[in-house]
Amino acid sequence: MELLFGGVKEFDVTLESDPQPRLRDLIAHIKANLLKGKPELFVQGDTVLPGILVLINDSDWELEGGIEYELQDMDNILFISTLHGG
């Protein structure tokens, strides 16, 4: 997946928003500012592509509210691709 981001594996991101930024805002920020490769390999609409596991502080994002999760200071958001070539 780091090929989509110019070989970079980790980013520190600060989002300023009122109201509190949500995970959907982070995904939009990533698409607009950090993604170097083909966006269709990472995003689909306003969420990530099926097959990309998202962890919020080591917890499945579906347990935390999905794209509506309100981001908190020092959150660790991890994107893991389960997609591979055949």
PDB file of N, CA and C in Angstrom:
ATOM      1  N   MET A   1       0.819  -1.190   0.000  1.00  0.00           N
ATOM      2  CA  MET A   1       0.000   0.000   0.000  1.00  0.00           C
ATOM      3  C   MET A   1       0.865   1.257   0.000  1.00  0.00           C
ATOM      4  N   GLU A   2       2.083   1.168   0.556  1.00  0.00           N
ATOM      5  CA  GLU A   2       2.898   2.380   0.604  1.00  0.00           C
ATOM      6  C   GLU A   2       3.268   2.899  -0.784  1.00  0.00           C
ATOM      7  N   LEU A   3       3.147   2.061  -1.840  1.00  0.00           N
ATOM      8  CA  LEU A   3       3.382   2.547  -3.199  1.00  0.00           C
ATOM      9  C   LEU A   3       2.396   3.652  -3.574  1.00  0.00           C
ATOM     10  N   LEU A   4       1.193   3.576  -3.029  1.00  0.00           N
ATOM     11  CA  LEU A   4       0.192   4.611  -3.291  1.00  0.00           C
ATOM     12  C   LEU A   4       0.548   5.939  -2.630  1.00  0.00           C
ATOM     13  N   PHE A   5       1.481   5.884  -1.677  1.00  0.00           N
ATOM     14  CA  PHE A   5       1.849   7.070  -0.907  1.00  0.00           C
ATOM     15  C   PHE A   5       3.325   7.431  -1.087  1.00  0.00           C
ATOM     16  N   GLY A   6       3.857   7.114  -2.252  1.00  0.00           N
ATOM     17  CA  GLY A   6       5.235   7.480  -2.559  1.00  0.00           C
ATOM     18  C   GLY A   6       6.261   6.778  -1.697  1.00  0.00           C
ATOM     19  N   GLY A   7       5.956   5.579  -1.224  1.00  0.00           N
ATOM     20  CA  GLY A   7       6.885   4.813  -0.407  1.00  0.00           C
ATOM     21  C   GLY A   7       6.871   5.162   1.070  1.00  0.00           C
ATOM     22  N   VAL A   8       6.044   6.115   1.460  1.00  0.00           N
ATOM     23  CA  VAL A   8       5.967   6.536   2.858  1.00  0.00           C
ATOM     24  C   VAL A   8       4.978   5.636   3.593  1.00  0.00           C
ATOM     25  N   LYS A   9       5.385   5.118   4.751  1.00  0.00           N
ATOM     26  CA  LYS A   9       4.540   4.194   5.504  1.00  0.00           C
ATOM     27  C   LYS A   9       3.744   4.860   6.613  1.00  0.00           C
ATOM     28  N   GLU A  10       4.169   6.033   7.055  1.00  0.00           N
ATOM     29  CA  GLU A  10       3.536   6.662   8.219  1.00  0.00           C
ATOM     30  C   GLU A  10       3.496   8.178   8.047  1.00  0.00           C
ATOM     31  N   PHE A  11       2.370   8.770   8.440  1.00  0.00           N
ATOM     32  CA  PHE A  11       2.195  10.218   8.382  1.00  0.00           C
ATOM     33  C   PHE A  11       1.662  10.710   9.723  1.00  0.00           C
ATOM     34  N   ASP A  12       2.079  11.892  10.124  1.00  0.00           N
ATOM     35  CA  ASP A  12       1.459  12.595  11.244  1.00  0.00           C
ATOM     36  C   ASP A  12       0.556  13.655  10.628  1.00  0.00           C
ATOM     37  N   VAL A  13      -0.737  13.570  10.938  1.00  0.00           N
ATOM     38  CA  VAL A  13      -1.715  14.461  10.321  1.00  0.00           C
ATOM     39  C   VAL A  13      -2.467  15.208  11.414  1.00  0.00           C
ATOM     40  N   THR A  14      -2.645  16.501  11.207  1.00  0.00           N
ATOM     41  CA  THR A  14      -3.470  17.315  12.093  1.00  0.00           C
ATOM     42  C   THR A  14      -4.606  17.891  11.262  1.00  0.00           C
ATOM     43  N   LEU A  15      -5.833  17.650  11.694  1.00  0.00           N
ATOM     44  CA  LEU A  15      -7.005  18.188  11.011  1.00  0.00           C
ATOM     45  C   LEU A  15      -7.676  19.199  11.926  1.00  0.00           C
ATOM     46  N   GLU A  16      -7.848  20.396  11.424  1.00  0.00           N
ATOM     47  CA  GLU A  16      -8.560  21.430  12.165  1.00  0.00           C
ATOM     48  C   GLU A  16      -9.972  21.499  11.602  1.00  0.00           C
ATOM     49  N   SER A  17     -10.958  21.345  12.454  1.00  0.00           N
ATOM     50  CA  SER A  17     -12.335  21.369  11.974  1.00  0.00           C
ATOM     51  C   SER A  17     -13.271  21.692  13.121  1.00  0.00           C
ATOM     52  N   ASP A  18     -14.328  22.385  12.781  1.00  0.00           N
ATOM     53  CA  ASP A  18     -15.393  22.641  13.735  1.00  0.00           C
ATOM     54  C   ASP A  18     -16.688  22.350  12.991  1.00  0.00           C
ATOM     55  N   PRO A  19     -17.411  21.331  13.318  1.00  0.00           N
ATOM     56  CA  PRO A  19     -17.284  20.485  14.501  1.00  0.00           C
ATOM     57  C   PRO A  19     -16.084  19.535  14.412  1.00  0.00           C
ATOM     58  N   GLN A  20     -15.956  18.704  15.417  1.00  0.00           N
ATOM     59  CA  GLN A  20     -14.859  17.736  15.521  1.00  0.00           C
ATOM     60  C   GLN A  20     -14.718  16.951  14.215  1.00  0.00           C
ATOM     61  N   PRO A  21     -13.486  16.833  13.682  1.00  0.00           N
ATOM     62  CA  PRO A  21     -13.314  16.077  12.443  1.00  0.00           C
ATOM     63  C   PRO A  21     -13.654  14.599  12.639  1.00  0.00           C
ATOM     64  N   ARG A  22     -14.154  14.006  11.584  1.00  0.00           N
ATOM     65  CA  ARG A  22     -14.525  12.590  11.591  1.00  0.00           C
ATOM     66  C   ARG A  22     -13.565  11.815  10.690  1.00  0.00           C
ATOM     67  N   LEU A  23     -13.635  10.510  10.782  1.00  0.00           N
ATOM     68  CA  LEU A  23     -12.773   9.671   9.969  1.00  0.00           C
ATOM     69  C   LEU A  23     -12.996   9.957   8.486  1.00  0.00           C
ATOM     70  N   ARG A  24     -14.218  10.262   8.087  1.00  0.00           N
ATOM     71  CA  ARG A  24     -14.486  10.603   6.691  1.00  0.00           C
ATOM     72  C   ARG A  24     -13.668  11.824   6.260  1.00  0.00           C
ATOM     73  N   ASP A  25     -13.438  12.782   7.169  1.00  0.00           N
ATOM     74  CA  ASP A  25     -12.619  13.958   6.866  1.00  0.00           C
ATOM     75  C   ASP A  25     -11.154  13.571   6.665  1.00  0.00           C
ATOM     76  N   LEU A  26     -10.678  12.626   7.477  1.00  0.00           N
ATOM     77  CA  LEU A  26      -9.308  12.144   7.329  1.00  0.00           C
ATOM     78  C   LEU A  26      -9.137  11.446   5.983  1.00  0.00           C
ATOM     79  N   ILE A  27     -10.087  10.613   5.597  1.00  0.00           N
ATOM     80  CA  ILE A  27     -10.005   9.912   4.315  1.00  0.00           C
ATOM     81  C   ILE A  27      -9.980  10.923   3.166  1.00  0.00           C
ATOM     82  N   ALA A  28     -10.810  11.951   3.240  1.00  0.00           N
ATOM     83  CA  ALA A  28     -10.813  12.998   2.211  1.00  0.00           C
ATOM     84  C   ALA A  28      -9.469  13.731   2.180  1.00  0.00           C
ATOM     85  N   HIS A  29      -8.910  14.015   3.343  1.00  0.00           N
ATOM     86  CA  HIS A  29      -7.605  14.679   3.434  1.00  0.00           C
ATOM     87  C   HIS A  29      -6.518  13.800   2.818  1.00  0.00           C
ATOM     88  N   ILE A  30      -6.550  12.523   3.136  1.00  0.00           N
ATOM     89  CA  ILE A  30      -5.567  11.594   2.576  1.00  0.00           C
ATOM     90  C   ILE A  30      -5.668  11.574   1.055  1.00  0.00           C
ATOM     91  N   LYS A  31      -6.875  11.473   0.536  1.00  0.00           N
ATOM     92  CA  LYS A  31      -7.082  11.434  -0.912  1.00  0.00           C
ATOM     93  C   LYS A  31      -6.572  12.716  -1.572  1.00  0.00           C
ATOM     94  N   ALA A  32      -6.868  13.858  -0.979  1.00  0.00           N
ATOM     95  CA  ALA A  32      -6.518  15.143  -1.579  1.00  0.00           C
ATOM     96  C   ALA A  32      -5.050  15.524  -1.401  1.00  0.00           C
ATOM     97  N   ASN A  33      -4.416  15.093  -0.307  1.00  0.00           N
ATOM     98  CA  ASN A  33      -3.092  15.618   0.031  1.00  0.00           C
ATOM     99  C   ASN A  33      -1.956  14.606   0.128  1.00  0.00           C
ATOM    100  N   LEU A  34      -2.260  13.348   0.405  1.00  0.00           N
ATOM    101  CA  LEU A  34      -1.193  12.391   0.662  1.00  0.00           C
ATOM    102  C   LEU A  34      -1.063  11.300  -0.395  1.00  0.00           C
ATOM    103  N   LEU A  35      -2.145  10.970  -1.042  1.00  0.00           N
ATOM    104  CA  LEU A  35      -2.168   9.888  -2.017  1.00  0.00           C
ATOM    105  C   LEU A  35      -1.389  10.286  -3.262  1.00  0.00           C
ATOM    106  N   LYS A  36      -0.403   9.487  -3.630  1.00  0.00           N
ATOM    107  CA  LYS A  36       0.422   9.764  -4.810  1.00  0.00           C
ATOM    108  C   LYS A  36       0.042   8.863  -5.979  1.00  0.00           C
ATOM    109  N   GLY A  37      -0.560   7.730  -5.680  1.00  0.00           N
ATOM    110  CA  GLY A  37      -0.923   6.774  -6.721  1.00  0.00           C
ATOM    111  C   GLY A  37      -2.359   6.930  -7.153  1.00  0.00           C
ATOM    112  N   LYS A  38      -2.911   5.876  -7.663  1.00  0.00           N
ATOM    113  CA  LYS A  38      -4.276   5.873  -8.181  1.00  0.00           C
ATOM    114  C   LYS A  38      -5.287   5.868  -7.035  1.00  0.00           C
ATOM    115  N   PRO A  39      -6.113   6.898  -6.930  1.00  0.00           N
ATOM    116  CA  PRO A  39      -7.076   6.966  -5.819  1.00  0.00           C
ATOM    117  C   PRO A  39      -8.075   5.809  -5.826  1.00  0.00           C
ATOM    118  N   GLU A  40      -8.384   5.257  -6.997  1.00  0.00           N
ATOM    119  CA  GLU A  40      -9.344   4.147  -7.060  1.00  0.00           C
ATOM    120  C   GLU A  40      -8.818   2.873  -6.404  1.00  0.00           C
ATOM    121  N   LEU A  41      -7.546   2.851  -6.060  1.00  0.00           N
ATOM    122  CA  LEU A  41      -6.990   1.712  -5.336  1.00  0.00           C
ATOM    123  C   LEU A  41      -7.043   1.896  -3.819  1.00  0.00           C
ATOM    124  N   PHE A  42      -7.529   3.065  -3.382  1.00  0.00           N
ATOM    125  CA  PHE A  42      -7.621   3.341  -1.947  1.00  0.00           C
ATOM    126  C   PHE A  42      -9.017   3.773  -1.509  1.00  0.00           C
ATOM    127  N   VAL A  43      -9.647   4.651  -2.282  1.00  0.00           N
ATOM    128  CA  VAL A  43     -10.950   5.176  -1.881  1.00  0.00           C
ATOM    129  C   VAL A  43     -12.053   4.773  -2.856  1.00  0.00           C
ATOM    130  N   GLN A  44     -13.243   4.707  -2.306  1.00  0.00           N
ATOM    131  CA  GLN A  44     -14.455   4.462  -3.093  1.00  0.00           C
ATOM    132  C   GLN A  44     -15.523   5.377  -2.516  1.00  0.00           C
ATOM    133  N   GLY A  45     -15.863   6.423  -3.249  1.00  0.00           N
ATOM    134  CA  GLY A  45     -16.778   7.426  -2.707  1.00  0.00           C
ATOM    135  C   GLY A  45     -16.102   8.176  -1.579  1.00  0.00           C
ATOM    136  N   ASP A  46     -16.745   8.207  -0.409  1.00  0.00           N
ATOM    137  CA  ASP A  46     -16.162   8.912   0.741  1.00  0.00           C
ATOM    138  C   ASP A  46     -15.593   7.957   1.785  1.00  0.00           C
ATOM    139  N   THR A  47     -15.358   6.699   1.388  1.00  0.00           N
ATOM    140  CA  THR A  47     -14.804   5.712   2.308  1.00  0.00           C
ATOM    141  C   THR A  47     -13.662   4.973   1.619  1.00  0.00           C
ATOM    142  N   VAL A  48     -13.035   4.050   2.332  1.00  0.00           N
ATOM    143  CA  VAL A  48     -11.953   3.272   1.737  1.00  0.00           C
ATOM    144  C   VAL A  48     -12.524   2.116   0.928  1.00  0.00           C
ATOM    145  N   LEU A  49     -11.724   1.620   0.048  1.00  0.00           N
ATOM    146  CA  LEU A  49     -12.089   0.503  -0.805  1.00  0.00           C
ATOM    147  C   LEU A  49     -12.355  -0.744   0.040  1.00  0.00           C
ATOM    148  N   PRO A  50     -13.371  -1.529  -0.312  1.00  0.00           N
ATOM    149  CA  PRO A  50     -13.544  -2.813   0.382  1.00  0.00           C
ATOM    150  C   PRO A  50     -12.241  -3.621   0.260  1.00  0.00           C
ATOM    151  N   GLY A  51     -11.851  -4.265   1.316  1.00  0.00           N
ATOM    152  CA  GLY A  51     -10.590  -4.994   1.325  1.00  0.00           C
ATOM    153  C   GLY A  51      -9.477  -4.244   2.030  1.00  0.00           C
ATOM    154  N   ILE A  52      -9.764  -3.022   2.472  1.00  0.00           N
ATOM    155  CA  ILE A  52      -8.800  -2.278   3.285  1.00  0.00           C
ATOM    156  C   ILE A  52      -9.330  -2.256   4.707  1.00  0.00           C
ATOM    157  N   LEU A  53      -8.587  -2.885   5.580  1.00  0.00           N
ATOM    158  CA  LEU A  53      -8.934  -2.949   6.995  1.00  0.00           C
ATOM    159  C   LEU A  53      -8.499  -1.647   7.652  1.00  0.00           C
ATOM    160  N   VAL A  54      -9.399  -1.049   8.434  1.00  0.00           N
ATOM    161  CA  VAL A  54      -9.090   0.206   9.123  1.00  0.00           C
ATOM    162  C   VAL A  54      -9.152  -0.047  10.628  1.00  0.00           C
ATOM    163  N   LEU A  55      -8.068   0.294  11.304  1.00  0.00           N
ATOM    164  CA  LEU A  55      -8.014   0.165  12.759  1.00  0.00           C
ATOM    165  C   LEU A  55      -7.893   1.546  13.382  1.00  0.00           C
ATOM    166  N   ILE A  56      -8.679   1.770  14.409  1.00  0.00           N
ATOM    167  CA  ILE A  56      -8.608   3.003  15.193  1.00  0.00           C
ATOM    168  C   ILE A  56      -8.088   2.613  16.560  1.00  0.00           C
ATOM    169  N   ASN A  57      -6.879   3.037  16.868  1.00  0.00           N
ATOM    170  CA  ASN A  57      -6.248   2.675  18.147  1.00  0.00           C
ATOM    171  C   ASN A  57      -6.331   1.165  18.389  1.00  0.00           C
ATOM    172  N   ASP A  58      -5.982   0.399  17.355  1.00  0.00           N
ATOM    173  CA  ASP A  58      -5.935  -1.075  17.377  1.00  0.00           C
ATOM    174  C   ASP A  58      -7.298  -1.743  17.468  1.00  0.00           C
ATOM    175  N   SER A  59      -8.367  -1.020  17.197  1.00  0.00           N
ATOM    176  CA  SER A  59      -9.725  -1.567  17.230  1.00  0.00           C
ATOM    177  C   SER A  59     -10.359  -1.411  15.847  1.00  0.00           C
ATOM    178  N   ASP A  60     -11.099  -2.427  15.410  1.00  0.00           N
ATOM    179  CA  ASP A  60     -11.767  -2.366  14.114  1.00  0.00           C
ATOM    180  C   ASP A  60     -12.662  -1.136  14.052  1.00  0.00           C
ATOM    181  N   TRP A  61     -12.575  -0.402  12.969  1.00  0.00           N
ATOM    182  CA  TRP A  61     -13.322   0.858  12.847  1.00  0.00           C
ATOM    183  C   TRP A  61     -14.817   0.661  12.891  1.00  0.00           C
ATOM    184  N   GLU A  62     -15.315  -0.502  12.493  1.00  0.00           N
ATOM    185  CA  GLU A  62     -16.751  -0.770  12.551  1.00  0.00           C
ATOM    186  C   GLU A  62     -17.251  -0.772  13.998  1.00  0.00           C
ATOM    187  N   LEU A  63     -16.392  -1.137  14.924  1.00  0.00           N
ATOM    188  CA  LEU A  63     -16.757  -1.121  16.348  1.00  0.00           C
ATOM    189  C   LEU A  63     -16.744   0.295  16.918  1.00  0.00           C
ATOM    190  N   GLU A  64     -16.094   1.216  16.201  1.00  0.00           N
ATOM    191  CA  GLU A  64     -15.935   2.590  16.684  1.00  0.00           C
ATOM    192  C   GLU A  64     -16.851   3.589  15.977  1.00  0.00           C
ATOM    193  N   GLY A  65     -17.638   3.122  15.008  1.00  0.00           N
ATOM    194  CA  GLY A  65     -18.555   4.018  14.305  1.00  0.00           C
ATOM    195  C   GLY A  65     -18.231   4.234  12.838  1.00  0.00           C
ATOM    196  N   GLY A  66     -17.241   3.513  12.312  1.00  0.00           N
ATOM    197  CA  GLY A  66     -16.905   3.627  10.892  1.00  0.00           C
ATOM    198  C   GLY A  66     -16.462   5.027  10.511  1.00  0.00           C
ATOM    199  N   ILE A  67     -16.894   5.492   9.339  1.00  0.00           N
ATOM    200  CA  ILE A  67     -16.435   6.800   8.858  1.00  0.00           C
ATOM    201  C   ILE A  67     -16.989   7.959   9.669  1.00  0.00           C
ATOM    202  N   GLU A  68     -17.968   7.695  10.522  1.00  0.00           N
ATOM    203  CA  GLU A  68     -18.543   8.756  11.367  1.00  0.00           C
ATOM    204  C   GLU A  68     -17.791   8.918  12.695  1.00  0.00           C
ATOM    205  N   TYR A  69     -16.758   8.085  12.945  1.00  0.00           N
ATOM    206  CA  TYR A  69     -15.976   8.187  14.172  1.00  0.00           C
ATOM    207  C   TYR A  69     -15.384   9.587  14.303  1.00  0.00           C
ATOM    208  N   GLU A  70     -15.570  10.208  15.461  1.00  0.00           N
ATOM    209  CA  GLU A  70     -14.977  11.527  15.728  1.00  0.00           C
ATOM    210  C   GLU A  70     -13.528  11.356  16.154  1.00  0.00           C
ATOM    211  N   LEU A  71     -12.637  11.926  15.373  1.00  0.00           N
ATOM    212  CA  LEU A  71     -11.213  11.815  15.648  1.00  0.00           C
ATOM    213  C   LEU A  71     -10.855  12.541  16.942  1.00  0.00           C
ATOM    214  N   GLN A  72      -9.946  11.945  17.689  1.00  0.00           N
ATOM    215  CA  GLN A  72      -9.467  12.504  18.948  1.00  0.00           C
ATOM    216  C   GLN A  72      -7.966  12.763  18.834  1.00  0.00           C
ATOM    217  N   ASP A  73      -7.451  13.676  19.666  1.00  0.00           N
ATOM    218  CA  ASP A  73      -6.012  13.921  19.702  1.00  0.00           C
ATOM    219  C   ASP A  73      -5.279  12.614  19.961  1.00  0.00           C
ATOM    220  N   MET A  74      -4.211  12.409  19.222  1.00  0.00           N
ATOM    221  CA  MET A  74      -3.316  11.259  19.375  1.00  0.00           C
ATOM    222  C   MET A  74      -3.916   9.926  18.928  1.00  0.00           C
ATOM    223  N   ASP A  75      -5.034   9.946  18.188  1.00  0.00           N
ATOM    224  CA  ASP A  75      -5.559   8.706  17.612  1.00  0.00           C
ATOM    225  C   ASP A  75      -4.524   8.108  16.674  1.00  0.00           C
ATOM    226  N   ASN A  76      -4.478   6.790  16.638  1.00  0.00           N
ATOM    227  CA  ASN A  76      -3.637   6.071  15.702  1.00  0.00           C
ATOM    228  C   ASN A  76      -4.562   5.352  14.727  1.00  0.00           C
ATOM    229  N   ILE A  77      -4.559   5.793  13.472  1.00  0.00           N
ATOM    230  CA  ILE A  77      -5.410   5.203  12.447  1.00  0.00           C
ATOM    231  C   ILE A  77      -4.512   4.407  11.510  1.00  0.00           C
ATOM    232  N   LEU A  78      -4.823   3.134  11.343  1.00  0.00           N
ATOM    233  CA  LEU A  78      -4.015   2.234  10.550  1.00  0.00           C
ATOM    234  C   LEU A  78      -4.844   1.663   9.418  1.00  0.00           C
ATOM    235  N   PHE A  79      -4.309   1.730   8.201  1.00  0.00           N
ATOM    236  CA  PHE A  79      -4.954   1.176   7.010  1.00  0.00           C
ATOM    237  C   PHE A  79      -4.132  -0.029   6.567  1.00  0.00           C
ATOM    238  N   ILE A  80      -4.762  -1.194   6.484  1.00  0.00           N
ATOM    239  CA  ILE A  80      -4.084  -2.428   6.089  1.00  0.00           C
ATOM    240  C   ILE A  80      -4.805  -3.002   4.875  1.00  0.00           C
ATOM    241  N   SER A  81      -4.063  -3.173   3.792  1.00  0.00           N
ATOM    242  CA  SER A  81      -4.661  -3.741   2.583  1.00  0.00           C
ATOM    243  C   SER A  81      -4.677  -5.261   2.688  1.00  0.00           C
ATOM    244  N   THR A  82      -5.847  -5.840   2.419  1.00  0.00           N
ATOM    245  CA  THR A  82      -5.954  -7.296   2.334  1.00  0.00           C
ATOM    246  C   THR A  82      -6.041  -7.704   0.869  1.00  0.00           C
ATOM    247  N   LEU A  83      -5.872  -6.728  -0.035  1.00  0.00           N
ATOM    248  CA  LEU A  83      -5.957  -6.973  -1.463  1.00  0.00           C
ATOM    249  C   LEU A  83      -4.579  -7.344  -1.997  1.00  0.00           C
ATOM    250  N   HIS A  84      -4.559  -8.250  -2.938  1.00  0.00           N
ATOM    251  CA  HIS A  84      -3.282  -8.647  -3.552  1.00  0.00           C
ATOM    252  C   HIS A  84      -3.551  -9.153  -4.957  1.00  0.00           C
ATOM    253  N   GLY A  85      -2.504  -9.171  -5.737  1.00  0.00           N
ATOM    254  CA  GLY A  85      -2.625  -9.658  -7.106  1.00  0.00           C
ATOM    255  C   GLY A  85      -2.762 -11.170  -7.147  1.00  0.00           C
ATOM    256  N   GLY A  86      -3.207 -11.675  -8.272  1.00  0.00           N
ATOM    257  CA  GLY A  86      -3.419 -13.118  -8.374  1.00  0.00           C
ATOM    258  C   GLY A  86      -2.546 -13.781  -9.377  1.00  0.00           C
TER     259      GLY A  86
END
